[in-house]
Amino acid sequence: MISFWKHLLGGAVAVAMLPAVGRAAQLSGDAKSAIPRDVVQLIVVDYRAMQNSSAAMSLKDRVLPPELKKLETALKSSGLKVDQDADTLAFASFSGAGSGQAKDSTKIVGIAQGQFHTREIMANFVKTKTKPVVLRNNSIYPMGSSGMSVVFLNQTTMVFGEKSAVQAALDARDGLTAGLLQNGDMVNEMSVVDTKAVWSLLDQKGTQTMMKSVLGDASQLADYETVRNRMKSSRYTMDFSNGVRFDLAVVMSDTLTGATIATLMKGVAIMKKTQGSPLEKTALDATTIESNSGTVTVAYASSDSQFANLLTSPLFQQVVR
């Protein structure tokens, strides 16, 4: 049976990359313009803080999902040394519709912000006779031997990933397809969380998938499909500046649905508590679930030492498996 704790804290940890201090990870206008409108999930982290924390790096190495690890590895192994200059790193998972892909396909693009030595990088491309693919006014370069591609929008913003994902990002940036700034719901949600060091937004589809995992067997109830269709979006933040804090908010279409989902989640938590180990019980004791005006909130807080114990536990190994 799927672990309640796994999908509340573990799922969030796995995608957040866990910086350890409380600086804001905000996206510039250039970065936002290169994100396609149909975002399933957007993850933004303070990359500088992560790089400066040995604990955060150790944790990231354990939990980073393969798709994101592939992108980060490409960033580090490209020979461009841009990872050393990156301050903020974002990953956008988006629908392939409108980018020459099948409607149901999903692409992931990475966006890095910082002060990049673009003149030296371009000079090295010339020296090594690295030829770009030109798309309108954009030069897309191969990213080392990773099979990934990179394009510099300017000296402070670069986009990287599989070539088709990069091209889709450029289509949005150049106004050929709709971009994130035309997604009013996502933009509104972003304003709530983008002052945090780690934050993520999920659209309706992403939220429905997450909540089905969180609820486990409870999602098989006959009336769940009706409730499911009333989930609008979700967001979470993580903070490591004073212990560990995780906050999740799931936005429902109405107050009654929010209360129903909160009740279901509390029931699942109680069931897991009766079946779980002492460590899992402690984690669930530190988790609160509430509903207010149609928004379900989940909050978890612990000390660094408590979280360290969770990190080394068999439970956590199951979470990140």
C-alpha atoms as a PDB file:
ATOM      1  CA  MET A   1       0.000   0.000   0.000  1.00  0.00           C
ATOM      2  CA  ILE A   2       1.290   3.441  -0.923  1.00  0.00           C
ATOM      3  CA  SER A   3       2.656   5.327   2.052  1.00  0.00           C
ATOM      4  CA  PHE A   4       0.806   8.501   3.063  1.00  0.00           C
ATOM      5  CA  TRP A   5       4.055   9.970   4.338  1.00  0.00           C
ATOM      6  CA  LYS A   6       5.877   8.988   1.160  1.00  0.00           C
ATOM      7  CA  HIS A   7       3.713  11.153  -1.009  1.00  0.00           C
ATOM      8  CA  LEU A   8       3.367  14.106   1.318  1.00  0.00           C
ATOM      9  CA  LEU A   9       6.952  14.714   2.369  1.00  0.00           C
ATOM     10  CA  GLY A  10       8.864  12.233   0.246  1.00  0.00           C
ATOM     11  CA  GLY A  11       7.302  13.258  -3.048  1.00  0.00           C
ATOM     12  CA  ALA A  12       7.979  16.897  -2.327  1.00  0.00           C
ATOM     13  CA  VAL A  13      11.541  16.222  -1.177  1.00  0.00           C
ATOM     14  CA  ALA A  14      12.246  14.251  -4.318  1.00  0.00           C
ATOM     15  CA  VAL A  15      11.543  17.150  -6.620  1.00  0.00           C
ATOM     16  CA  ALA A  16      12.599  20.092  -4.497  1.00  0.00           C
ATOM     17  CA  MET A  17      16.381  19.518  -4.303  1.00  0.00           C
ATOM     18  CA  LEU A  18      16.369  20.983  -0.812  1.00  0.00           C
ATOM     19  CA  PRO A  19      18.380  24.177  -0.386  1.00  0.00           C
ATOM     20  CA  ALA A  20      19.257  24.890   3.227  1.00  0.00           C
ATOM     21  CA  VAL A  21      18.807  28.615   3.682  1.00  0.00           C
ATOM     22  CA  GLY A  22      15.954  31.036   3.244  1.00  0.00           C
ATOM     23  CA  ARG A  23      16.781  33.168   0.205  1.00  0.00           C
ATOM     24  CA  ALA A  24      14.091  33.755  -2.415  1.00  0.00           C
ATOM     25  CA  ALA A  25      14.180  31.860  -5.712  1.00  0.00           C
ATOM     26  CA  GLN A  26      12.422  34.207  -8.111  1.00  0.00           C
ATOM     27  CA  LEU A  27      12.271  33.949 -11.882  1.00  0.00           C
ATOM     28  CA  SER A  28      13.136  36.888 -14.105  1.00  0.00           C
ATOM     29  CA  GLY A  29      10.897  38.072 -16.921  1.00  0.00           C
ATOM     30  CA  ASP A  30      13.227  36.410 -19.461  1.00  0.00           C
ATOM     31  CA  ALA A  31      13.002  33.090 -17.636  1.00  0.00           C
ATOM     32  CA  LYS A  32       9.220  33.238 -17.361  1.00  0.00           C
ATOM     33  CA  SER A  33       8.886  34.076 -21.051  1.00  0.00           C
ATOM     34  CA  ALA A  34      10.700  30.842 -21.988  1.00  0.00           C
ATOM     35  CA  ILE A  35       8.245  28.578 -20.163  1.00  0.00           C
ATOM     36  CA  PRO A  36       5.344  27.252 -22.281  1.00  0.00           C
ATOM     37  CA  ARG A  37       1.821  27.980 -21.088  1.00  0.00           C
ATOM     38  CA  ASP A  38       0.717  24.377 -20.500  1.00  0.00           C
ATOM     39  CA  VAL A  39       2.875  23.763 -17.436  1.00  0.00           C
ATOM     40  CA  VAL A  40       2.135  20.561 -15.522  1.00  0.00           C
ATOM     41  CA  GLN A  41       4.705  21.319 -12.815  1.00  0.00           C
ATOM     42  CA  LEU A  42       7.188  24.114 -12.217  1.00  0.00           C
ATOM     43  CA  ILE A  43       9.975  23.687  -9.653  1.00  0.00           C
ATOM     44  CA  VAL A  44      12.270  26.566  -8.685  1.00  0.00           C
ATOM     45  CA  VAL A  45      15.201  26.388  -6.273  1.00  0.00           C
ATOM     46  CA  ASP A  46      17.923  28.631  -4.906  1.00  0.00           C
ATOM     47  CA  TYR A  47      20.781  26.744  -6.537  1.00  0.00           C
ATOM     48  CA  ARG A  48      23.490  28.825  -4.884  1.00  0.00           C
ATOM     49  CA  ALA A  49      22.222  27.938  -1.425  1.00  0.00           C
ATOM     50  CA  MET A  50      22.080  24.273  -2.368  1.00  0.00           C
ATOM     51  CA  GLN A  51      25.649  24.297  -3.684  1.00  0.00           C
ATOM     52  CA  ASN A  52      26.864  25.920  -0.471  1.00  0.00           C
ATOM     53  CA  SER A  53      25.290  23.308   1.804  1.00  0.00           C
ATOM     54  CA  SER A  54      26.970  19.917   2.085  1.00  0.00           C
ATOM     55  CA  ALA A  55      23.894  18.512   3.837  1.00  0.00           C
ATOM     56  CA  ALA A  56      21.594  19.714   1.081  1.00  0.00           C
ATOM     57  CA  MET A  57      23.872  18.279  -1.604  1.00  0.00           C
ATOM     58  CA  SER A  58      24.025  14.926   0.182  1.00  0.00           C
ATOM     59  CA  LEU A  59      20.262  14.804   0.456  1.00  0.00           C
ATOM     60  CA  LYS A  60      19.787  15.884  -3.154  1.00  0.00           C
ATOM     61  CA  ASP A  61      22.056  13.088  -4.363  1.00  0.00           C
ATOM     62  CA  ARG A  62      19.791  10.577  -2.631  1.00  0.00           C
ATOM     63  CA  VAL A  63      16.428  11.822  -3.807  1.00  0.00           C
ATOM     64  CA  LEU A  64      16.731  13.684  -7.120  1.00  0.00           C
ATOM     65  CA  PRO A  65      14.461  11.958  -9.690  1.00  0.00           C
ATOM     66  CA  PRO A  66      16.145  10.488 -12.809  1.00  0.00           C
ATOM     67  CA  GLU A  67      14.629  13.055 -15.180  1.00  0.00           C
ATOM     68  CA  LEU A  68      15.973  15.996 -13.204  1.00  0.00           C
ATOM     69  CA  LYS A  69      19.255  14.274 -12.393  1.00  0.00           C
ATOM     70  CA  LYS A  70      19.820  13.862 -16.119  1.00  0.00           C
ATOM     71  CA  LEU A  71      19.363  17.593 -16.664  1.00  0.00           C
ATOM     72  CA  GLU A  72      21.571  18.572 -13.728  1.00  0.00           C
ATOM     73  CA  THR A  73      24.282  16.141 -14.820  1.00  0.00           C
ATOM     74  CA  ALA A  74      24.204  17.668 -18.292  1.00  0.00           C
ATOM     75  CA  LEU A  75      24.594  21.104 -16.732  1.00  0.00           C
ATOM     76  CA  LYS A  76      27.676  20.002 -14.774  1.00  0.00           C
ATOM     77  CA  SER A  77      29.329  17.831 -17.424  1.00  0.00           C
ATOM     78  CA  SER A  78      28.846  20.153 -20.390  1.00  0.00           C
ATOM     79  CA  GLY A  79      32.262  21.741 -19.963  1.00  0.00           C
ATOM     80  CA  LEU A  80      30.622  25.180 -19.992  1.00  0.00           C
ATOM     81  CA  LYS A  81      31.062  25.561 -16.197  1.00  0.00           C
ATOM     82  CA  VAL A  82      27.718  27.358 -16.045  1.00  0.00           C
ATOM     83  CA  ASP A  83      26.699  25.413 -12.934  1.00  0.00           C
ATOM     84  CA  GLN A  84      29.349  27.387 -11.044  1.00  0.00           C
ATOM     85  CA  ASP A  85      27.660  30.664 -12.000  1.00  0.00           C
ATOM     86  CA  ALA A  86      24.010  29.630 -11.586  1.00  0.00           C
ATOM     87  CA  ASP A  87      22.037  31.312  -8.801  1.00  0.00           C
ATOM     88  CA  THR A  88      18.551  29.982  -9.515  1.00  0.00           C
ATOM     89  CA  LEU A  89      17.546  26.775 -11.245  1.00  0.00           C
ATOM     90  CA  ALA A  90      14.063  25.984 -12.553  1.00  0.00           C
ATOM     91  CA  PHE A  91      12.550  22.871 -14.091  1.00  0.00           C
ATOM     92  CA  ALA A  92       9.329  23.111 -16.085  1.00  0.00           C
ATOM     93  CA  SER A  93       7.369  20.029 -17.082  1.00  0.00           C
ATOM     94  CA  PHE A  94       4.884  20.919 -19.794  1.00  0.00           C
ATOM     95  CA  SER A  95       2.499  19.435 -22.319  1.00  0.00           C
ATOM     96  CA  GLY A  96       3.980  18.780 -25.752  1.00  0.00           C
ATOM     97  CA  ALA A  97       0.881  20.206 -27.437  1.00  0.00           C
ATOM     98  CA  GLY A  98       1.741  23.207 -29.562  1.00  0.00           C
ATOM     99  CA  SER A  99       5.461  22.378 -29.783  1.00  0.00           C
ATOM    100  CA  GLY A 100       5.317  19.834 -32.586  1.00  0.00           C
ATOM    101  CA  GLN A 101       4.770  16.982 -30.128  1.00  0.00           C
ATOM    102  CA  ALA A 102       1.892  14.606 -29.531  1.00  0.00           C
ATOM    103  CA  LYS A 103      -0.842  16.186 -27.441  1.00  0.00           C
ATOM    104  CA  ASP A 104      -0.308  13.914 -24.437  1.00  0.00           C
ATOM    105  CA  SER A 105       3.492  14.007 -24.458  1.00  0.00           C
ATOM    106  CA  THR A 106       5.381  15.751 -21.675  1.00  0.00           C
ATOM    107  CA  LYS A 107       8.687  17.591 -21.972  1.00  0.00           C
ATOM    108  CA  ILE A 108      11.011  18.988 -19.298  1.00  0.00           C
ATOM    109  CA  VAL A 109      13.139  22.067 -19.804  1.00  0.00           C
ATOM    110  CA  GLY A 110      15.704  23.528 -17.432  1.00  0.00           C
ATOM    111  CA  ILE A 111      16.297  27.246 -16.947  1.00  0.00           C
ATOM    112  CA  ALA A 112      19.319  28.633 -15.124  1.00  0.00           C
ATOM    113  CA  GLN A 113      19.762  32.208 -13.941  1.00  0.00           C
ATOM    114  CA  GLY A 114      23.085  33.748 -12.958  1.00  0.00           C
ATOM    115  CA  GLN A 115      25.963  35.790 -14.353  1.00  0.00           C
ATOM    116  CA  PHE A 116      27.311  33.598 -17.144  1.00  0.00           C
ATOM    117  CA  HIS A 117      30.586  34.186 -18.974  1.00  0.00           C
ATOM    118  CA  THR A 118      28.877  34.049 -22.355  1.00  0.00           C
ATOM    119  CA  ARG A 119      31.749  35.687 -24.263  1.00  0.00           C
ATOM    120  CA  GLU A 120      34.208  33.030 -23.120  1.00  0.00           C
ATOM    121  CA  ILE A 121      31.659  30.278 -23.733  1.00  0.00           C
ATOM    122  CA  MET A 122      30.999  31.446 -27.303  1.00  0.00           C
ATOM    123  CA  ALA A 123      34.740  31.775 -27.937  1.00  0.00           C
ATOM    124  CA  ASN A 124      35.186  28.173 -26.799  1.00  0.00           C
ATOM    125  CA  PHE A 125      32.416  27.052 -29.177  1.00  0.00           C
ATOM    126  CA  VAL A 126      34.322  28.710 -32.029  1.00  0.00           C
ATOM    127  CA  LYS A 127      37.612  27.155 -30.897  1.00  0.00           C
ATOM    128  CA  THR A 128      36.123  23.652 -30.761  1.00  0.00           C
ATOM    129  CA  LYS A 129      34.201  24.210 -34.014  1.00  0.00           C
ATOM    130  CA  THR A 130      30.916  23.507 -32.253  1.00  0.00           C
ATOM    131  CA  LYS A 131      28.133  24.365 -34.684  1.00  0.00           C
ATOM    132  CA  PRO A 132      24.752  25.607 -33.457  1.00  0.00           C
ATOM    133  CA  VAL A 133      21.304  24.890 -34.805  1.00  0.00           C
ATOM    134  CA  VAL A 134      19.829  28.262 -35.678  1.00  0.00           C
ATOM    135  CA  LEU A 135      16.161  28.822 -34.856  1.00  0.00           C
ATOM    136  CA  ARG A 136      15.154  32.326 -35.905  1.00  0.00           C
ATOM    137  CA  ASN A 137      17.565  34.565 -33.955  1.00  0.00           C
ATOM    138  CA  ASN A 138      18.485  31.834 -31.482  1.00  0.00           C
ATOM    139  CA  SER A 139      21.617  29.669 -31.592  1.00  0.00           C
ATOM    140  CA  ILE A 140      21.075  26.264 -29.969  1.00  0.00           C
ATOM    141  CA  TYR A 141      24.344  24.505 -29.085  1.00  0.00           C
ATOM    142  CA  PRO A 142      24.971  20.873 -28.162  1.00  0.00           C
ATOM    143  CA  MET A 143      25.679  20.533 -24.456  1.00  0.00           C
ATOM    144  CA  GLY A 144      28.818  18.430 -24.364  1.00  0.00           C
ATOM    145  CA  SER A 145      28.307  14.693 -24.857  1.00  0.00           C
ATOM    146  CA  SER A 146      25.051  14.592 -22.880  1.00  0.00           C
ATOM    147  CA  GLY A 147      22.786  14.728 -25.921  1.00  0.00           C
ATOM    148  CA  MET A 148      21.215  17.869 -24.444  1.00  0.00           C
ATOM    149  CA  SER A 149      21.154  21.347 -25.958  1.00  0.00           C
ATOM    150  CA  VAL A 150      21.570  24.847 -24.568  1.00  0.00           C
ATOM    151  CA  VAL A 151      20.675  28.347 -25.677  1.00  0.00           C
ATOM    152  CA  PHE A 152      21.638  31.594 -23.954  1.00  0.00           C
ATOM    153  CA  LEU A 153      18.792  34.097 -23.977  1.00  0.00           C
ATOM    154  CA  ASN A 154      21.209  36.683 -22.617  1.00  0.00           C
ATOM    155  CA  GLN A 155      24.145  36.875 -20.206  1.00  0.00           C
ATOM    156  CA  THR A 156      21.930  36.042 -17.209  1.00  0.00           C
ATOM    157  CA  THR A 157      19.507  33.401 -18.522  1.00  0.00           C
ATOM    158  CA  MET A 158      20.049  30.069 -20.250  1.00  0.00           C
ATOM    159  CA  VAL A 159      17.634  27.324 -21.320  1.00  0.00           C
ATOM    160  CA  PHE A 160      18.725  23.698 -21.572  1.00  0.00           C
ATOM    161  CA  GLY A 161      17.303  20.221 -22.133  1.00  0.00           C
ATOM    162  CA  GLU A 162      16.394  17.943 -24.996  1.00  0.00           C
ATOM    163  CA  LYS A 163      16.416  19.868 -28.275  1.00  0.00           C
ATOM    164  CA  SER A 164      12.650  19.605 -28.796  1.00  0.00           C
ATOM    165  CA  ALA A 165      12.016  20.966 -25.280  1.00  0.00           C
ATOM    166  CA  VAL A 166      14.420  23.862 -25.851  1.00  0.00           C
ATOM    167  CA  GLN A 167      12.737  24.631 -29.165  1.00  0.00           C
ATOM    168  CA  ALA A 168       9.332  24.641 -27.461  1.00  0.00           C
ATOM    169  CA  ALA A 169      10.677  27.064 -24.854  1.00  0.00           C
ATOM    170  CA  LEU A 170      11.980  29.352 -27.594  1.00  0.00           C
ATOM    171  CA  ASP A 171       8.650  29.194 -29.427  1.00  0.00           C
ATOM    172  CA  ALA A 172       6.999  30.487 -26.257  1.00  0.00           C
ATOM    173  CA  ARG A 173       9.660  33.117 -25.677  1.00  0.00           C
ATOM    174  CA  ASP A 174       9.419  34.380 -29.283  1.00  0.00           C
ATOM    175  CA  GLY A 175       5.631  34.569 -29.131  1.00  0.00           C
ATOM    176  CA  LEU A 176       4.884  31.757 -31.588  1.00  0.00           C
ATOM    177  CA  THR A 177       3.069  29.772 -28.918  1.00  0.00           C
ATOM    178  CA  ALA A 178       1.427  30.738 -25.636  1.00  0.00           C
ATOM    179  CA  GLY A 179       3.746  31.185 -22.656  1.00  0.00           C
ATOM    180  CA  LEU A 180       3.508  30.970 -18.885  1.00  0.00           C
ATOM    181  CA  LEU A 181       2.601  34.644 -18.537  1.00  0.00           C
ATOM    182  CA  GLN A 182      -0.609  33.861 -20.436  1.00  0.00           C
ATOM    183  CA  ASN A 183      -1.528  31.257 -17.839  1.00  0.00           C
ATOM    184  CA  GLY A 184      -3.354  33.450 -15.328  1.00  0.00           C
ATOM    185  CA  ASP A 185      -3.899  30.683 -12.775  1.00  0.00           C
ATOM    186  CA  MET A 186      -0.207  29.775 -12.629  1.00  0.00           C
ATOM    187  CA  VAL A 187       0.895  33.404 -12.480  1.00  0.00           C
ATOM    188  CA  ASN A 188      -1.469  34.068  -9.572  1.00  0.00           C
ATOM    189  CA  GLU A 189      -0.245  30.989  -7.704  1.00  0.00           C
ATOM    190  CA  MET A 190       3.376  31.972  -8.344  1.00  0.00           C
ATOM    191  CA  SER A 191       2.924  35.282  -6.551  1.00  0.00           C
ATOM    192  CA  VAL A 192       2.031  33.366  -3.376  1.00  0.00           C
ATOM    193  CA  VAL A 193       5.193  31.244  -3.249  1.00  0.00           C
ATOM    194  CA  ASP A 194       8.024  32.856  -5.199  1.00  0.00           C
ATOM    195  CA  THR A 195       9.502  34.608  -2.169  1.00  0.00           C
ATOM    196  CA  LYS A 196      10.597  31.188  -0.866  1.00  0.00           C
ATOM    197  CA  ALA A 197      13.910  29.429  -1.475  1.00  0.00           C
ATOM    198  CA  VAL A 198      12.161  26.296  -2.764  1.00  0.00           C
ATOM    199  CA  TRP A 199       8.771  26.302  -4.402  1.00  0.00           C
ATOM    200  CA  SER A 200       6.699  24.349  -6.851  1.00  0.00           C
ATOM    201  CA  LEU A 201       3.399  24.728  -8.701  1.00  0.00           C
ATOM    202  CA  LEU A 202       1.244  21.955 -10.156  1.00  0.00           C
ATOM    203  CA  ASP A 203      -1.650  22.354 -12.585  1.00  0.00           C
ATOM    204  CA  GLN A 204      -4.926  20.477 -12.325  1.00  0.00           C
ATOM    205  CA  LYS A 205      -3.598  17.301 -13.955  1.00  0.00           C
ATOM    206  CA  GLY A 206      -0.467  17.260 -11.811  1.00  0.00           C
ATOM    207  CA  THR A 207      -2.518  17.923  -8.687  1.00  0.00           C
ATOM    208  CA  GLN A 208      -4.931  15.094  -9.473  1.00  0.00           C
ATOM    209  CA  THR A 209      -2.051  12.648  -9.945  1.00  0.00           C
ATOM    210  CA  MET A 210      -0.389  13.716  -6.701  1.00  0.00           C
ATOM    211  CA  MET A 211      -3.595  13.534  -4.678  1.00  0.00           C
ATOM    212  CA  LYS A 212      -4.476  10.088  -6.015  1.00  0.00           C
ATOM    213  CA  SER A 213      -1.131   8.860  -4.697  1.00  0.00           C
ATOM    214  CA  VAL A 214      -1.557  10.654  -1.378  1.00  0.00           C
ATOM    215  CA  LEU A 215      -5.017   9.208  -0.778  1.00  0.00           C
ATOM    216  CA  GLY A 216      -4.098   5.680  -1.841  1.00  0.00           C
ATOM    217  CA  ASP A 217      -7.044   3.283  -1.442  1.00  0.00           C
ATOM    218  CA  ALA A 218      -9.325   6.171  -0.504  1.00  0.00           C
ATOM    219  CA  SER A 219      -9.114   7.355  -4.122  1.00  0.00           C
ATOM    220  CA  GLN A 220     -11.019   4.214  -5.134  1.00  0.00           C
ATOM    221  CA  LEU A 221     -14.210   5.409  -3.453  1.00  0.00           C
ATOM    222  CA  ALA A 222     -17.192   5.745  -5.782  1.00  0.00           C
ATOM    223  CA  ASP A 223     -17.559   9.523  -5.363  1.00  0.00           C
ATOM    224  CA  TYR A 224     -13.840  10.274  -5.661  1.00  0.00           C
ATOM    225  CA  GLU A 225     -14.084  10.956  -9.405  1.00  0.00           C
ATOM    226  CA  THR A 226     -16.466  13.826  -8.715  1.00  0.00           C
ATOM    227  CA  VAL A 227     -14.156  15.233  -6.059  1.00  0.00           C
ATOM    228  CA  ARG A 228     -11.136  14.726  -8.297  1.00  0.00           C
ATOM    229  CA  ASN A 229     -12.574  16.927 -11.014  1.00  0.00           C
ATOM    230  CA  ARG A 230     -12.927  19.783  -8.521  1.00  0.00           C
ATOM    231  CA  MET A 231      -9.194  19.951  -7.809  1.00  0.00           C
ATOM    232  CA  LYS A 232      -7.844  23.076  -9.480  1.00  0.00           C
ATOM    233  CA  SER A 233      -4.152  23.373  -8.636  1.00  0.00           C
ATOM    234  CA  SER A 234      -1.591  22.986  -5.869  1.00  0.00           C
ATOM    235  CA  ARG A 235       1.616  24.527  -4.608  1.00  0.00           C
ATOM    236  CA  TYR A 236       4.254  23.750  -2.018  1.00  0.00           C
ATOM    237  CA  THR A 237       7.260  25.374  -0.424  1.00  0.00           C
ATOM    238  CA  MET A 238      10.147  24.002   1.614  1.00  0.00           C
ATOM    239  CA  ASP A 239      12.333  25.867   4.061  1.00  0.00           C
ATOM    240  CA  PHE A 240      15.481  24.671   5.840  1.00  0.00           C
ATOM    241  CA  SER A 241      16.562  27.906   7.504  1.00  0.00           C
ATOM    242  CA  ASN A 242      15.287  26.870  10.958  1.00  0.00           C
ATOM    243  CA  GLY A 243      14.777  23.144  11.089  1.00  0.00           C
ATOM    244  CA  VAL A 244      12.672  21.663   8.305  1.00  0.00           C
ATOM    245  CA  ARG A 245       9.317  23.010   7.174  1.00  0.00           C
ATOM    246  CA  PHE A 246       7.128  21.787   4.319  1.00  0.00           C
ATOM    247  CA  ASP A 247       3.856  23.509   3.348  1.00  0.00           C
ATOM    248  CA  LEU A 248       1.426  22.222   0.739  1.00  0.00           C
ATOM    249  CA  ALA A 249      -1.780  23.906  -0.442  1.00  0.00           C
ATOM    250  CA  VAL A 250      -4.328  22.213  -2.703  1.00  0.00           C
ATOM    251  CA  VAL A 251      -6.893  24.556  -4.229  1.00  0.00           C
ATOM    252  CA  MET A 252     -10.407  23.142  -4.701  1.00  0.00           C
ATOM    253  CA  SER A 253     -13.315  24.631  -6.625  1.00  0.00           C
ATOM    254  CA  ASP A 254     -15.499  25.005  -3.511  1.00  0.00           C
ATOM    255  CA  THR A 255     -15.441  24.924   0.277  1.00  0.00           C
ATOM    256  CA  LEU A 256     -17.363  21.643   0.627  1.00  0.00           C
ATOM    257  CA  THR A 257     -14.958  19.744  -1.612  1.00  0.00           C
ATOM    258  CA  GLY A 258     -12.017  21.138   0.324  1.00  0.00           C
ATOM    259  CA  ALA A 259     -13.508  19.941   3.593  1.00  0.00           C
ATOM    260  CA  THR A 260     -14.218  16.508   2.079  1.00  0.00           C
ATOM    261  CA  ILE A 261     -10.657  16.053   0.856  1.00  0.00           C
ATOM    262  CA  ALA A 262      -9.224  17.230   4.181  1.00  0.00           C
ATOM    263  CA  THR A 263     -11.395  14.689   6.005  1.00  0.00           C
ATOM    264  CA  LEU A 264     -10.256  11.908   3.662  1.00  0.00           C
ATOM    265  CA  MET A 265      -6.607  12.848   4.181  1.00  0.00           C
ATOM    266  CA  LYS A 266      -6.991  12.928   7.952  1.00  0.00           C
ATOM    267  CA  GLY A 267      -8.578   9.487   7.809  1.00  0.00           C
ATOM    268  CA  VAL A 268      -5.703   8.112   5.754  1.00  0.00           C
ATOM    269  CA  ALA A 269      -3.229   9.659   8.204  1.00  0.00           C
ATOM    270  CA  ILE A 270      -4.963   8.030  11.183  1.00  0.00           C
ATOM    271  CA  MET A 271      -4.958   4.653   9.438  1.00  0.00           C
ATOM    272  CA  LYS A 272      -1.258   4.946   8.599  1.00  0.00           C
ATOM    273  CA  LYS A 273      -0.556   6.012  12.154  1.00  0.00           C
ATOM    274  CA  THR A 274      -2.071   2.833  13.574  1.00  0.00           C
ATOM    275  CA  GLN A 275      -0.070   0.688  11.159  1.00  0.00           C
ATOM    276  CA  GLY A 276       3.205   2.621  11.035  1.00  0.00           C
ATOM    277  CA  SER A 277       6.495   2.420  12.838  1.00  0.00           C
ATOM    278  CA  PRO A 278       7.324   4.803  15.732  1.00  0.00           C
ATOM    279  CA  LEU A 279       9.269   6.971  13.299  1.00  0.00           C
ATOM    280  CA  GLU A 280       6.354   7.209  10.883  1.00  0.00           C
ATOM    281  CA  LYS A 281       3.989   7.978  13.770  1.00  0.00           C
ATOM    282  CA  THR A 282       6.281  10.780  14.872  1.00  0.00           C
ATOM    283  CA  ALA A 283       6.342  12.203  11.347  1.00  0.00           C
ATOM    284  CA  LEU A 284       2.555  12.078  11.113  1.00  0.00           C
ATOM    285  CA  ASP A 285       2.237  13.699  14.546  1.00  0.00           C
ATOM    286  CA  ALA A 286       4.255  16.598  13.140  1.00  0.00           C
ATOM    287  CA  THR A 287       1.900  16.910  10.149  1.00  0.00           C
ATOM    288  CA  THR A 288      -1.261  19.043  10.271  1.00  0.00           C
ATOM    289  CA  ILE A 289      -4.089  18.947   7.731  1.00  0.00           C
ATOM    290  CA  GLU A 290      -6.665  21.736   7.518  1.00  0.00           C
ATOM    291  CA  SER A 291      -9.257  23.159   5.146  1.00  0.00           C
ATOM    292  CA  ASN A 292     -10.134  26.822   4.762  1.00  0.00           C
ATOM    293  CA  SER A 293     -12.327  28.426   2.061  1.00  0.00           C
ATOM    294  CA  GLY A 294     -11.796  25.570  -0.374  1.00  0.00           C
ATOM    295  CA  THR A 295      -8.022  25.282   0.098  1.00  0.00           C
ATOM    296  CA  VAL A 296      -6.606  22.207   1.816  1.00  0.00           C
ATOM    297  CA  THR A 297      -3.307  22.823   3.607  1.00  0.00           C
ATOM    298  CA  VAL A 298      -0.754  20.292   4.816  1.00  0.00           C
ATOM    299  CA  ALA A 299       2.138  21.419   7.017  1.00  0.00           C
ATOM    300  CA  TYR A 300       5.087  19.456   8.376  1.00  0.00           C
ATOM    301  CA  ALA A 301       7.790  20.765  10.688  1.00  0.00           C
ATOM    302  CA  SER A 302      10.658  19.131  12.546  1.00  0.00           C
ATOM    303  CA  SER A 303      14.105  19.863  13.921  1.00  0.00           C
ATOM    304  CA  ASP A 304      17.199  19.148  11.873  1.00  0.00           C
ATOM    305  CA  SER A 305      18.040  16.154  14.055  1.00  0.00           C
ATOM    306  CA  GLN A 306      14.552  14.673  13.722  1.00  0.00           C
ATOM    307  CA  PHE A 307      14.715  15.010   9.992  1.00  0.00           C
ATOM    308  CA  ALA A 308      18.220  13.497   9.963  1.00  0.00           C
ATOM    309  CA  ASN A 309      16.818  10.429  11.720  1.00  0.00           C
ATOM    310  CA  LEU A 310      14.067  10.230   9.125  1.00  0.00           C
ATOM    311  CA  LEU A 311      16.657  10.496   6.361  1.00  0.00           C
ATOM    312  CA  THR A 312      18.565   7.437   7.601  1.00  0.00           C
ATOM    313  CA  SER A 313      15.484   5.357   8.323  1.00  0.00           C
ATOM    314  CA  PRO A 314      14.143   2.386   6.320  1.00  0.00           C
ATOM    315  CA  LEU A 315      10.987   4.465   5.823  1.00  0.00           C
ATOM    316  CA  PHE A 316      12.915   7.156   3.967  1.00  0.00           C
ATOM    317  CA  GLN A 317      14.674   4.527   1.849  1.00  0.00           C
ATOM    318  CA  GLN A 318      11.238   3.314   0.780  1.00  0.00           C
ATOM    319  CA  VAL A 319      10.250   6.885  -0.014  1.00  0.00           C
ATOM    320  CA  VAL A 320      13.127   7.486  -2.410  1.00  0.00           C
ATOM    321  CA  ARG A 321      13.294   4.019  -3.950  1.00  0.00           C
END
